[in-house]
Amino acid sequence: MSNKLVCCFSASGVTEKKARALAKAVGAGYYSINPVPPYTPEDLKWTNPLARCNREWLKKSAPPLSDLDAPVKDADEILLCFPIWYYTAPLIVKRFMESYDFSGKTVLLFATSGGSDMKRVIKTLAPAAPGASLKLGCMLNGEDAPDRWRALAEQG
């Protein structure tokens, strides 16, 4: 049995709620990925071209991480959870992956979205985690998900 860790970036709390349920369902530890400064509701209004999320995306500039204390080295399998932004993983998730050594680890990707899929996430994140095995998990949308998540996480 592998040692699992759920790492989650959630700007509004939606993904965090699902990721905490995933951690509970698979008996994993939980770590929250946080930016400095934290996002405000105004920062996340993607319909405003001047919103922080849009400026970061256009500049391809991820915010700094609040800490580098994720116990990644102690886990064999990382269940990485995030919302889909701009049809892929947010830049802060890529920064998180660049900040740790994922060599030899399995990274199972989970996401939330109001309508986008996960087709681009491996292409976005793989260069940030050389030596890791990245695999698509599933979308965390839906209330029936914990059993599905558990089955995917156990397949690793």
N, C-alpha and C. Protein backbone atom coordinates (compact mmCIF):
# COMPACT_ATOMS: atom_id res chain seq x y z
N MET A 1 0.85 -1.17 0.00
CA MET A 1 0.00 0.00 0.00
C MET A 1 0.90 1.24 0.00
N SER A 2 0.60 2.16 -0.88
CA SER A 2 1.45 3.35 -0.99
C SER A 2 0.99 4.43 -0.03
N ASN A 3 1.91 5.30 0.28
CA ASN A 3 1.63 6.46 1.13
C ASN A 3 1.11 7.56 0.22
N LYS A 4 -0.13 7.99 0.40
CA LYS A 4 -0.77 8.97 -0.46
C LYS A 4 -0.84 10.34 0.21
N LEU A 5 -0.74 11.38 -0.62
CA LEU A 5 -0.90 12.75 -0.16
C LEU A 5 -1.75 13.50 -1.17
N VAL A 6 -2.82 14.12 -0.70
CA VAL A 6 -3.64 14.99 -1.54
C VAL A 6 -3.10 16.40 -1.41
N CYS A 7 -2.71 16.99 -2.54
CA CYS A 7 -2.26 18.38 -2.59
C CYS A 7 -3.29 19.15 -3.40
N CYS A 8 -3.74 20.27 -2.89
CA CYS A 8 -4.84 20.97 -3.53
C CYS A 8 -4.61 22.47 -3.62
N PHE A 9 -4.87 23.01 -4.80
CA PHE A 9 -5.01 24.45 -4.96
C PHE A 9 -6.48 24.72 -5.19
N SER A 10 -7.04 25.63 -4.38
CA SER A 10 -8.44 26.02 -4.51
C SER A 10 -8.54 27.51 -4.25
N ALA A 11 -8.93 28.25 -5.25
CA ALA A 11 -9.03 29.71 -5.10
C ALA A 11 -10.31 30.14 -4.38
N SER A 12 -11.39 29.41 -4.61
CA SER A 12 -12.67 29.83 -4.05
C SER A 12 -13.22 28.90 -2.98
N GLY A 13 -12.60 27.75 -2.78
CA GLY A 13 -13.08 26.79 -1.79
C GLY A 13 -13.81 25.60 -2.38
N VAL A 14 -14.26 25.69 -3.62
CA VAL A 14 -15.00 24.60 -4.26
C VAL A 14 -14.11 23.37 -4.40
N THR A 15 -12.92 23.54 -4.96
CA THR A 15 -12.02 22.41 -5.16
C THR A 15 -11.53 21.87 -3.83
N GLU A 16 -11.29 22.75 -2.86
CA GLU A 16 -10.85 22.29 -1.54
C GLU A 16 -11.85 21.33 -0.92
N LYS A 17 -13.12 21.64 -1.00
CA LYS A 17 -14.15 20.78 -0.42
C LYS A 17 -14.09 19.39 -1.04
N LYS A 18 -13.95 19.33 -2.36
CA LYS A 18 -13.87 18.04 -3.06
C LYS A 18 -12.57 17.32 -2.72
N ALA A 19 -11.46 18.06 -2.65
CA ALA A 19 -10.17 17.44 -2.37
C ALA A 19 -10.11 16.88 -0.96
N ARG A 20 -10.72 17.57 -0.01
CA ARG A 20 -10.75 17.04 1.37
C ARG A 20 -11.59 15.76 1.43
N ALA A 21 -12.68 15.71 0.66
CA ALA A 21 -13.49 14.48 0.59
C ALA A 21 -12.68 13.36 -0.05
N LEU A 22 -11.89 13.68 -1.07
CA LEU A 22 -11.02 12.69 -1.71
C LEU A 22 -10.00 12.16 -0.71
N ALA A 23 -9.36 13.04 0.03
CA ALA A 23 -8.37 12.62 1.03
C ALA A 23 -9.00 11.68 2.06
N LYS A 24 -10.19 12.02 2.50
CA LYS A 24 -10.89 11.17 3.46
C LYS A 24 -11.23 9.81 2.83
N ALA A 25 -11.70 9.84 1.59
CA ALA A 25 -12.11 8.60 0.91
C ALA A 25 -10.94 7.64 0.71
N VAL A 26 -9.74 8.16 0.50
CA VAL A 26 -8.59 7.28 0.23
C VAL A 26 -7.63 7.18 1.42
N GLY A 27 -7.96 7.83 2.54
CA GLY A 27 -7.11 7.76 3.72
C GLY A 27 -5.77 8.45 3.53
N ALA A 28 -5.78 9.59 2.86
CA ALA A 28 -4.54 10.31 2.55
C ALA A 28 -4.39 11.55 3.42
N GLY A 29 -3.15 12.02 3.55
CA GLY A 29 -2.90 13.31 4.16
C GLY A 29 -3.36 14.41 3.23
N TYR A 30 -3.40 15.63 3.73
CA TYR A 30 -3.89 16.76 2.94
C TYR A 30 -2.94 17.94 3.07
N TYR A 31 -2.65 18.58 1.94
CA TYR A 31 -1.82 19.78 1.92
C TYR A 31 -2.47 20.81 1.01
N SER A 32 -2.54 22.04 1.48
CA SER A 32 -3.15 23.12 0.71
C SER A 32 -2.07 23.97 0.04
N ILE A 33 -2.18 24.14 -1.27
CA ILE A 33 -1.27 24.99 -2.06
C ILE A 33 -1.85 26.40 -2.03
N ASN A 34 -1.08 27.35 -1.50
CA ASN A 34 -1.60 28.71 -1.35
C ASN A 34 -0.67 29.73 -1.99
N PRO A 35 -1.24 30.72 -2.69
CA PRO A 35 -0.44 31.79 -3.29
C PRO A 35 -0.20 32.93 -2.32
N VAL A 36 0.80 33.72 -2.62
CA VAL A 36 1.07 34.97 -1.89
C VAL A 36 0.98 36.10 -2.89
N PRO A 37 0.09 37.06 -2.67
CA PRO A 37 -0.97 37.06 -1.67
C PRO A 37 -2.11 36.14 -2.09
N PRO A 38 -3.00 35.79 -1.15
CA PRO A 38 -4.16 34.97 -1.51
C PRO A 38 -5.03 35.68 -2.56
N TYR A 39 -5.73 34.89 -3.35
CA TYR A 39 -6.66 35.48 -4.33
C TYR A 39 -7.88 36.03 -3.62
N THR A 40 -8.35 37.17 -4.10
CA THR A 40 -9.61 37.76 -3.62
C THR A 40 -10.68 37.44 -4.67
N PRO A 41 -11.94 37.63 -4.34
CA PRO A 41 -12.99 37.42 -5.35
C PRO A 41 -12.77 38.30 -6.59
N GLU A 42 -12.28 39.51 -6.40
CA GLU A 42 -12.02 40.40 -7.55
C GLU A 42 -10.90 39.84 -8.44
N ASP A 43 -9.90 39.22 -7.82
CA ASP A 43 -8.79 38.64 -8.58
C ASP A 43 -9.24 37.53 -9.51
N LEU A 44 -10.35 36.88 -9.18
CA LEU A 44 -10.81 35.70 -9.90
C LEU A 44 -11.88 35.99 -10.95
N LYS A 45 -12.25 37.24 -11.12
CA LYS A 45 -13.29 37.59 -12.10
C LYS A 45 -12.70 37.57 -13.50
N TRP A 46 -12.67 36.37 -14.09
CA TRP A 46 -12.03 36.19 -15.40
C TRP A 46 -12.71 36.98 -16.50
N THR A 47 -13.92 37.45 -16.27
CA THR A 47 -14.60 38.27 -17.28
C THR A 47 -14.06 39.70 -17.31
N ASN A 48 -13.28 40.06 -16.30
CA ASN A 48 -12.63 41.37 -16.26
C ASN A 48 -11.21 41.21 -16.80
N PRO A 49 -10.90 41.80 -17.94
CA PRO A 49 -9.57 41.62 -18.53
C PRO A 49 -8.43 42.08 -17.62
N LEU A 50 -8.73 42.95 -16.65
CA LEU A 50 -7.69 43.45 -15.75
C LEU A 50 -7.59 42.65 -14.45
N ALA A 51 -8.39 41.61 -14.30
CA ALA A 51 -8.35 40.79 -13.09
C ALA A 51 -6.99 40.10 -12.97
N ARG A 52 -6.58 39.88 -11.75
CA ARG A 52 -5.27 39.26 -11.49
C ARG A 52 -5.10 37.94 -12.23
N CYS A 53 -6.12 37.10 -12.23
CA CYS A 53 -5.98 35.79 -12.89
C CYS A 53 -5.66 35.97 -14.38
N ASN A 54 -6.27 36.94 -15.02
CA ASN A 54 -6.00 37.20 -16.45
C ASN A 54 -4.61 37.78 -16.66
N ARG A 55 -4.21 38.70 -15.81
CA ARG A 55 -2.87 39.29 -15.94
C ARG A 55 -1.79 38.23 -15.75
N GLU A 56 -1.96 37.35 -14.76
CA GLU A 56 -0.98 36.28 -14.54
C GLU A 56 -0.91 35.36 -15.75
N TRP A 57 -2.06 34.99 -16.29
CA TRP A 57 -2.09 34.08 -17.42
C TRP A 57 -1.41 34.70 -18.65
N LEU A 58 -1.73 35.94 -18.92
CA LEU A 58 -1.13 36.60 -20.09
C LEU A 58 0.38 36.74 -19.96
N LYS A 59 0.86 36.99 -18.75
CA LYS A 59 2.29 37.13 -18.51
C LYS A 59 2.98 35.77 -18.28
N LYS A 60 2.17 34.71 -18.16
CA LYS A 60 2.69 33.37 -17.81
C LYS A 60 3.50 33.44 -16.53
N SER A 61 2.95 34.17 -15.56
CA SER A 61 3.63 34.43 -14.30
C SER A 61 2.79 33.92 -13.13
N ALA A 62 3.26 32.85 -12.51
CA ALA A 62 2.55 32.29 -11.35
C ALA A 62 2.91 33.07 -10.10
N PRO A 63 1.96 33.19 -9.18
CA PRO A 63 2.28 33.85 -7.91
C PRO A 63 3.21 32.96 -7.09
N PRO A 64 3.94 33.56 -6.15
CA PRO A 64 4.78 32.76 -5.26
C PRO A 64 3.91 31.86 -4.37
N LEU A 65 4.50 30.77 -3.91
CA LEU A 65 3.83 29.87 -2.98
C LEU A 65 4.00 30.41 -1.56
N SER A 66 3.00 30.20 -0.73
CA SER A 66 3.06 30.71 0.65
C SER A 66 4.10 29.97 1.48
N ASP A 67 4.39 28.73 1.12
CA ASP A 67 5.42 27.96 1.83
C ASP A 67 5.91 26.83 0.93
N LEU A 68 6.95 26.17 1.37
CA LEU A 68 7.48 24.99 0.67
C LEU A 68 7.53 23.82 1.65
N ASP A 69 6.45 23.65 2.40
CA ASP A 69 6.38 22.65 3.46
C ASP A 69 5.58 21.40 3.11
N ALA A 70 5.20 21.21 1.86
CA ALA A 70 4.43 20.03 1.50
C ALA A 70 5.28 18.78 1.74
N PRO A 71 4.73 17.77 2.41
CA PRO A 71 5.49 16.55 2.69
C PRO A 71 5.57 15.61 1.47
N VAL A 72 5.90 16.16 0.34
CA VAL A 72 5.96 15.40 -0.91
C VAL A 72 6.96 14.26 -0.82
N LYS A 73 8.11 14.49 -0.22
CA LYS A 73 9.16 13.46 -0.17
C LYS A 73 8.70 12.23 0.60
N ASP A 74 7.72 12.37 1.49
CA ASP A 74 7.24 11.26 2.30
C ASP A 74 6.15 10.45 1.62
N ALA A 75 5.67 10.89 0.46
CA ALA A 75 4.57 10.22 -0.23
C ALA A 75 5.06 9.50 -1.47
N ASP A 76 4.45 8.36 -1.75
CA ASP A 76 4.73 7.63 -2.98
C ASP A 76 3.81 8.11 -4.10
N GLU A 77 2.62 8.48 -3.70
CA GLU A 77 1.59 8.88 -4.66
C GLU A 77 1.00 10.22 -4.24
N ILE A 78 0.96 11.15 -5.19
CA ILE A 78 0.40 12.47 -4.97
C ILE A 78 -0.91 12.57 -5.75
N LEU A 79 -1.97 12.92 -5.08
CA LEU A 79 -3.24 13.17 -5.74
C LEU A 79 -3.37 14.68 -5.79
N LEU A 80 -3.16 15.24 -6.97
CA LEU A 80 -3.08 16.69 -7.15
C LEU A 80 -4.42 17.21 -7.65
N CYS A 81 -5.01 18.13 -6.90
CA CYS A 81 -6.35 18.64 -7.19
C CYS A 81 -6.30 20.14 -7.45
N PHE A 82 -7.07 20.58 -8.44
CA PHE A 82 -7.06 21.99 -8.81
C PHE A 82 -8.27 22.29 -9.69
N PRO A 83 -8.66 23.56 -9.79
CA PRO A 83 -9.70 23.94 -10.75
C PRO A 83 -9.07 24.08 -12.13
N ILE A 84 -9.85 23.89 -13.16
CA ILE A 84 -9.37 24.13 -14.52
C ILE A 84 -9.48 25.63 -14.79
N TRP A 85 -8.34 26.22 -15.18
CA TRP A 85 -8.29 27.62 -15.59
C TRP A 85 -7.72 27.67 -17.00
N TYR A 86 -8.37 28.36 -17.87
CA TYR A 86 -7.87 28.52 -19.24
C TYR A 86 -7.63 27.16 -19.89
N TYR A 87 -8.52 26.22 -19.62
CA TYR A 87 -8.51 24.88 -20.21
C TYR A 87 -7.37 24.00 -19.73
N THR A 88 -6.71 24.35 -18.63
CA THR A 88 -5.63 23.53 -18.10
C THR A 88 -5.45 23.81 -16.60
N ALA A 89 -4.36 23.33 -16.04
CA ALA A 89 -4.06 23.58 -14.62
C ALA A 89 -3.61 25.02 -14.43
N PRO A 90 -3.98 25.65 -13.32
CA PRO A 90 -3.52 27.01 -13.04
C PRO A 90 -1.99 27.06 -12.94
N LEU A 91 -1.44 28.21 -13.25
CA LEU A 91 0.02 28.38 -13.21
C LEU A 91 0.61 28.12 -11.83
N ILE A 92 -0.12 28.39 -10.77
CA ILE A 92 0.40 28.13 -9.43
C ILE A 92 0.61 26.62 -9.21
N VAL A 93 -0.19 25.79 -9.86
CA VAL A 93 -0.02 24.34 -9.74
C VAL A 93 1.27 23.92 -10.43
N LYS A 94 1.54 24.51 -11.58
CA LYS A 94 2.82 24.24 -12.26
C LYS A 94 3.98 24.69 -11.38
N ARG A 95 3.88 25.87 -10.78
CA ARG A 95 4.93 26.37 -9.88
C ARG A 95 5.13 25.40 -8.71
N PHE A 96 4.04 24.91 -8.14
CA PHE A 96 4.12 23.93 -7.06
C PHE A 96 4.93 22.71 -7.51
N MET A 97 4.62 22.21 -8.67
CA MET A 97 5.32 21.01 -9.16
C MET A 97 6.80 21.30 -9.44
N GLU A 98 7.10 22.48 -9.91
CA GLU A 98 8.50 22.86 -10.16
C GLU A 98 9.30 23.01 -8.86
N SER A 99 8.60 23.19 -7.75
CA SER A 99 9.24 23.48 -6.46
C SER A 99 9.62 22.23 -5.66
N TYR A 100 9.24 21.06 -6.13
CA TYR A 100 9.51 19.81 -5.42
C TYR A 100 10.06 18.78 -6.39
N ASP A 101 10.66 17.73 -5.83
CA ASP A 101 11.16 16.63 -6.63
C ASP A 101 10.12 15.51 -6.64
N PHE A 102 9.52 15.30 -7.79
CA PHE A 102 8.49 14.27 -7.95
C PHE A 102 9.05 13.01 -8.62
N SER A 103 10.35 12.93 -8.79
CA SER A 103 10.98 11.77 -9.44
C SER A 103 10.54 10.47 -8.78
N GLY A 104 10.13 9.52 -9.60
CA GLY A 104 9.74 8.21 -9.11
C GLY A 104 8.36 8.16 -8.47
N LYS A 105 7.67 9.27 -8.44
CA LYS A 105 6.34 9.31 -7.82
C LYS A 105 5.25 9.24 -8.89
N THR A 106 4.12 8.72 -8.49
CA THR A 106 2.92 8.77 -9.32
C THR A 106 2.13 9.99 -8.91
N VAL A 107 1.76 10.81 -9.88
CA VAL A 107 0.94 11.99 -9.62
C VAL A 107 -0.37 11.80 -10.37
N LEU A 108 -1.42 11.61 -9.60
CA LEU A 108 -2.75 11.40 -10.15
C LEU A 108 -3.48 12.74 -10.12
N LEU A 109 -3.97 13.19 -11.27
CA LEU A 109 -4.53 14.54 -11.42
C LEU A 109 -6.06 14.53 -11.34
N PHE A 110 -6.58 15.41 -10.49
CA PHE A 110 -8.02 15.58 -10.32
C PHE A 110 -8.34 17.06 -10.47
N ALA A 111 -9.51 17.37 -11.02
CA ALA A 111 -9.85 18.78 -11.25
C ALA A 111 -11.34 19.03 -11.06
N THR A 112 -11.66 20.31 -10.89
CA THR A 112 -13.04 20.77 -10.91
C THR A 112 -13.17 21.77 -12.04
N SER A 113 -14.35 21.85 -12.59
CA SER A 113 -14.60 22.81 -13.67
C SER A 113 -16.09 22.95 -13.89
N GLY A 114 -16.45 24.12 -14.35
CA GLY A 114 -17.84 24.36 -14.71
C GLY A 114 -18.18 23.85 -16.09
N GLY A 115 -17.21 23.42 -16.87
CA GLY A 115 -17.52 22.94 -18.21
C GLY A 115 -16.33 22.47 -19.02
N SER A 116 -15.12 22.76 -18.58
CA SER A 116 -13.93 22.35 -19.32
C SER A 116 -13.52 20.93 -18.93
N ASP A 117 -12.70 20.31 -19.78
CA ASP A 117 -12.20 18.98 -19.49
C ASP A 117 -10.73 19.05 -19.07
N MET A 118 -10.10 17.89 -18.94
CA MET A 118 -8.72 17.81 -18.47
C MET A 118 -7.73 17.48 -19.59
N LYS A 119 -8.11 17.65 -20.83
CA LYS A 119 -7.28 17.20 -21.95
C LYS A 119 -5.88 17.80 -21.98
N ARG A 120 -5.71 19.02 -21.50
CA ARG A 120 -4.41 19.70 -21.62
C ARG A 120 -3.52 19.62 -20.38
N VAL A 121 -4.01 19.06 -19.29
CA VAL A 121 -3.26 19.16 -18.04
C VAL A 121 -1.93 18.41 -18.04
N ILE A 122 -1.88 17.23 -18.60
CA ILE A 122 -0.61 16.50 -18.60
C ILE A 122 0.42 17.25 -19.44
N LYS A 123 0.01 17.77 -20.58
CA LYS A 123 0.94 18.53 -21.42
C LYS A 123 1.47 19.76 -20.67
N THR A 124 0.62 20.40 -19.88
CA THR A 124 1.02 21.58 -19.11
C THR A 124 1.95 21.21 -17.95
N LEU A 125 1.64 20.13 -17.24
CA LEU A 125 2.35 19.82 -16.00
C LEU A 125 3.55 18.89 -16.14
N ALA A 126 3.58 18.04 -17.15
CA ALA A 126 4.67 17.07 -17.28
C ALA A 126 6.06 17.71 -17.28
N PRO A 127 6.29 18.82 -17.99
CA PRO A 127 7.63 19.42 -17.96
C PRO A 127 8.05 19.91 -16.57
N ALA A 128 7.08 20.15 -15.69
CA ALA A 128 7.38 20.65 -14.35
C ALA A 128 7.74 19.53 -13.38
N ALA A 129 7.56 18.28 -13.80
CA ALA A 129 7.82 17.15 -12.89
C ALA A 129 8.58 16.05 -13.61
N PRO A 130 9.82 16.32 -14.02
CA PRO A 130 10.59 15.28 -14.71
C PRO A 130 10.79 14.06 -13.82
N GLY A 131 10.63 12.89 -14.41
CA GLY A 131 10.81 11.65 -13.65
C GLY A 131 9.58 11.17 -12.93
N ALA A 132 8.51 11.94 -12.97
CA ALA A 132 7.25 11.54 -12.34
C ALA A 132 6.36 10.86 -13.37
N SER A 133 5.47 10.03 -12.90
CA SER A 133 4.46 9.42 -13.75
C SER A 133 3.15 10.15 -13.51
N LEU A 134 2.75 11.00 -14.47
CA LEU A 134 1.51 11.74 -14.35
C LEU A 134 0.38 10.96 -15.01
N LYS A 135 -0.74 10.86 -14.31
CA LYS A 135 -1.90 10.14 -14.82
C LYS A 135 -3.15 10.96 -14.57
N LEU A 136 -4.08 10.88 -15.51
CA LEU A 136 -5.35 11.56 -15.32
C LEU A 136 -6.21 10.79 -14.35
N GLY A 137 -6.72 11.50 -13.36
CA GLY A 137 -7.70 10.92 -12.45
C GLY A 137 -9.07 11.16 -13.07
N CYS A 138 -9.80 12.10 -12.51
CA CYS A 138 -11.11 12.43 -13.08
C CYS A 138 -11.50 13.82 -12.59
N MET A 139 -12.60 14.29 -13.12
CA MET A 139 -13.19 15.53 -12.64
C MET A 139 -13.82 15.24 -11.28
N LEU A 140 -13.69 16.17 -10.36
CA LEU A 140 -14.23 16.01 -9.01
C LEU A 140 -15.66 16.52 -8.90
N ASN A 141 -16.26 16.81 -10.02
CA ASN A 141 -17.64 17.31 -10.03
C ASN A 141 -18.59 16.18 -9.69
N GLY A 142 -19.71 16.50 -9.09
CA GLY A 142 -20.74 15.51 -8.80
C GLY A 142 -20.70 15.07 -7.35
N GLU A 143 -21.85 14.68 -6.85
CA GLU A 143 -21.97 14.26 -5.46
C GLU A 143 -21.67 12.77 -5.26
N ASP A 144 -21.73 11.98 -6.33
CA ASP A 144 -21.50 10.54 -6.22
C ASP A 144 -20.03 10.17 -6.35
N ALA A 145 -19.20 11.16 -6.38
CA ALA A 145 -17.80 10.97 -6.75
C ALA A 145 -16.91 10.20 -5.78
N PRO A 146 -17.05 10.26 -4.45
CA PRO A 146 -16.05 9.61 -3.60
C PRO A 146 -15.76 8.15 -3.93
N ASP A 147 -16.75 7.36 -4.27
CA ASP A 147 -16.48 5.96 -4.62
C ASP A 147 -15.67 5.86 -5.90
N ARG A 148 -15.98 6.70 -6.88
CA ARG A 148 -15.24 6.75 -8.13
C ARG A 148 -13.80 7.17 -7.87
N TRP A 149 -13.62 8.20 -7.05
CA TRP A 149 -12.29 8.70 -6.73
C TRP A 149 -11.45 7.63 -6.06
N ARG A 150 -12.08 6.94 -5.09
CA ARG A 150 -11.36 5.91 -4.35
C ARG A 150 -10.87 4.84 -5.32
N ALA A 151 -11.73 4.42 -6.24
CA ALA A 151 -11.33 3.38 -7.21
C ALA A 151 -10.18 3.86 -8.07
N LEU A 152 -10.22 5.10 -8.54
CA LEU A 152 -9.13 5.63 -9.36
C LEU A 152 -7.84 5.74 -8.56
N ALA A 153 -7.92 6.23 -7.34
CA ALA A 153 -6.73 6.40 -6.52
C ALA A 153 -6.11 5.04 -6.18
N GLU A 154 -6.94 4.03 -6.00
CA GLU A 154 -6.41 2.70 -5.68
C GLU A 154 -5.75 2.06 -6.88
N GLN A 155 -6.20 2.43 -8.10
CA GLN A 155 -5.56 1.92 -9.32
C GLN A 155 -4.20 2.57 -9.51
N GLY A 156 -4.10 3.87 -9.07
CA GLY A 156 -2.88 4.64 -9.16
C GLY A 156 -2.33 4.61 -10.51
